[in-house]
Amino acid sequence: MPKMKTRKSAAKRFSFTGTGKVKYKKQNLRHILTKKTAKRKRNLRHTGILASVNVPVVRKKLLPYG
């Protein structure tokens, strides 16, 4: 059976923690920053953890060898 291909767009967006959770960079921190509060921008800097419901989809279909 041939190797499965990794979805490269997903590989650039998601990464795994040591315990198997999925990390991602939060959106809305690229432009139009003047109307966003400092607190909101500060919270958007941190990485997000994907909900456990969506982890099997990312692990199986998008990043099969992750």
C-alpha atoms as a PDB file:
ATOM      1  CA  MET A   1       0.000   0.000   0.000  1.00  0.00           C
ATOM      2  CA  PRO A   2       1.432   3.418  -0.921  1.00  0.00           C
ATOM      3  CA  LYS A   3       2.212   6.108   1.575  1.00  0.00           C
ATOM      4  CA  MET A   4      -0.520   8.608   2.401  1.00  0.00           C
ATOM      5  CA  LYS A   5       0.172  12.201   1.444  1.00  0.00           C
ATOM      6  CA  THR A   6       0.176  14.906   4.086  1.00  0.00           C
ATOM      7  CA  ARG A   7      -2.037  17.903   3.387  1.00  0.00           C
ATOM      8  CA  LYS A   8       0.687  20.546   3.257  1.00  0.00           C
ATOM      9  CA  SER A   9      -1.712  23.406   3.972  1.00  0.00           C
ATOM     10  CA  ALA A  10      -2.693  21.698   7.229  1.00  0.00           C
ATOM     11  CA  ALA A  11       0.930  20.904   8.070  1.00  0.00           C
ATOM     12  CA  LYS A  12       1.715  24.624   7.945  1.00  0.00           C
ATOM     13  CA  ARG A  13      -1.196  25.510  10.232  1.00  0.00           C
ATOM     14  CA  PHE A  14      -1.230  22.757  12.853  1.00  0.00           C
ATOM     15  CA  SER A  15       1.356  21.082  15.064  1.00  0.00           C
ATOM     16  CA  PHE A  16       1.117  18.508  17.824  1.00  0.00           C
ATOM     17  CA  THR A  17       2.034  18.785  21.483  1.00  0.00           C
ATOM     18  CA  GLY A  18       3.801  15.994  23.319  1.00  0.00           C
ATOM     19  CA  THR A  19       0.512  14.746  24.756  1.00  0.00           C
ATOM     20  CA  GLY A  20      -1.195  14.603  21.355  1.00  0.00           C
ATOM     21  CA  LYS A  21      -3.166  17.837  21.431  1.00  0.00           C
ATOM     22  CA  VAL A  22      -3.260  20.006  18.321  1.00  0.00           C
ATOM     23  CA  LYS A  23      -1.846  23.548  18.416  1.00  0.00           C
ATOM     24  CA  TYR A  24      -2.649  26.343  15.982  1.00  0.00           C
ATOM     25  CA  LYS A  25      -2.000  30.071  15.622  1.00  0.00           C
ATOM     26  CA  LYS A  26      -5.038  32.218  16.309  1.00  0.00           C
ATOM     27  CA  GLN A  27      -6.519  34.327  13.526  1.00  0.00           C
ATOM     28  CA  ASN A  28      -7.294  38.073  13.331  1.00  0.00           C
ATOM     29  CA  LEU A  29      -3.813  39.416  14.107  1.00  0.00           C
ATOM     30  CA  ARG A  30      -2.678  40.347  10.578  1.00  0.00           C
ATOM     31  CA  HIS A  31      -4.278  43.679   9.690  1.00  0.00           C
ATOM     32  CA  ILE A  32      -6.859  46.251  10.861  1.00  0.00           C
ATOM     33  CA  LEU A  33      -5.252  46.225  14.294  1.00  0.00           C
ATOM     34  CA  THR A  34      -6.126  49.797  15.254  1.00  0.00           C
ATOM     35  CA  LYS A  35      -9.720  49.011  16.186  1.00  0.00           C
ATOM     36  CA  LYS A  36      -8.779  45.959  18.294  1.00  0.00           C
ATOM     37  CA  THR A  37      -8.058  46.466  21.969  1.00  0.00           C
ATOM     38  CA  ALA A  38      -4.632  45.781  23.420  1.00  0.00           C
ATOM     39  CA  LYS A  39      -6.093  42.999  25.563  1.00  0.00           C
ATOM     40  CA  ARG A  40      -7.597  41.297  22.523  1.00  0.00           C
ATOM     41  CA  LYS A  41      -4.334  41.518  20.544  1.00  0.00           C
ATOM     42  CA  ARG A  42      -2.352  40.216  23.515  1.00  0.00           C
ATOM     43  CA  ASN A  43      -4.643  37.183  23.844  1.00  0.00           C
ATOM     44  CA  LEU A  44      -4.425  36.469  20.109  1.00  0.00           C
ATOM     45  CA  ARG A  45      -0.634  36.127  20.335  1.00  0.00           C
ATOM     46  CA  HIS A  46      -0.837  32.853  22.244  1.00  0.00           C
ATOM     47  CA  THR A  47      -1.324  29.541  20.463  1.00  0.00           C
ATOM     48  CA  GLY A  48      -4.715  27.913  20.594  1.00  0.00           C
ATOM     49  CA  ILE A  49      -5.517  24.298  21.393  1.00  0.00           C
ATOM     50  CA  LEU A  50      -7.910  22.636  18.986  1.00  0.00           C
ATOM     51  CA  ALA A  51     -11.124  21.190  20.449  1.00  0.00           C
ATOM     52  CA  SER A  52     -10.915  17.466  21.143  1.00  0.00           C
ATOM     53  CA  VAL A  53     -13.867  16.825  18.793  1.00  0.00           C
ATOM     54  CA  ASN A  54     -11.832  18.031  15.797  1.00  0.00           C
ATOM     55  CA  VAL A  55      -8.549  16.304  16.657  1.00  0.00           C
ATOM     56  CA  PRO A  56      -9.371  12.946  14.970  1.00  0.00           C
ATOM     57  CA  VAL A  57     -10.140  14.714  11.685  1.00  0.00           C
ATOM     58  CA  VAL A  58      -6.816  16.546  11.696  1.00  0.00           C
ATOM     59  CA  ARG A  59      -4.880  13.491  12.801  1.00  0.00           C
ATOM     60  CA  LYS A  60      -6.429  10.980  10.391  1.00  0.00           C
ATOM     61  CA  LYS A  61      -7.278  12.914   7.243  1.00  0.00           C
ATOM     62  CA  LEU A  62      -5.002  15.930   7.169  1.00  0.00           C
ATOM     63  CA  LEU A  63      -1.837  14.851   8.992  1.00  0.00           C
ATOM     64  CA  PRO A  64      -1.777  11.042   8.859  1.00  0.00           C
ATOM     65  CA  TYR A  65       1.824  10.775  10.079  1.00  0.00           C
ATOM     66  CA  GLY A  66       1.625  13.543  12.689  1.00  0.00           C
END
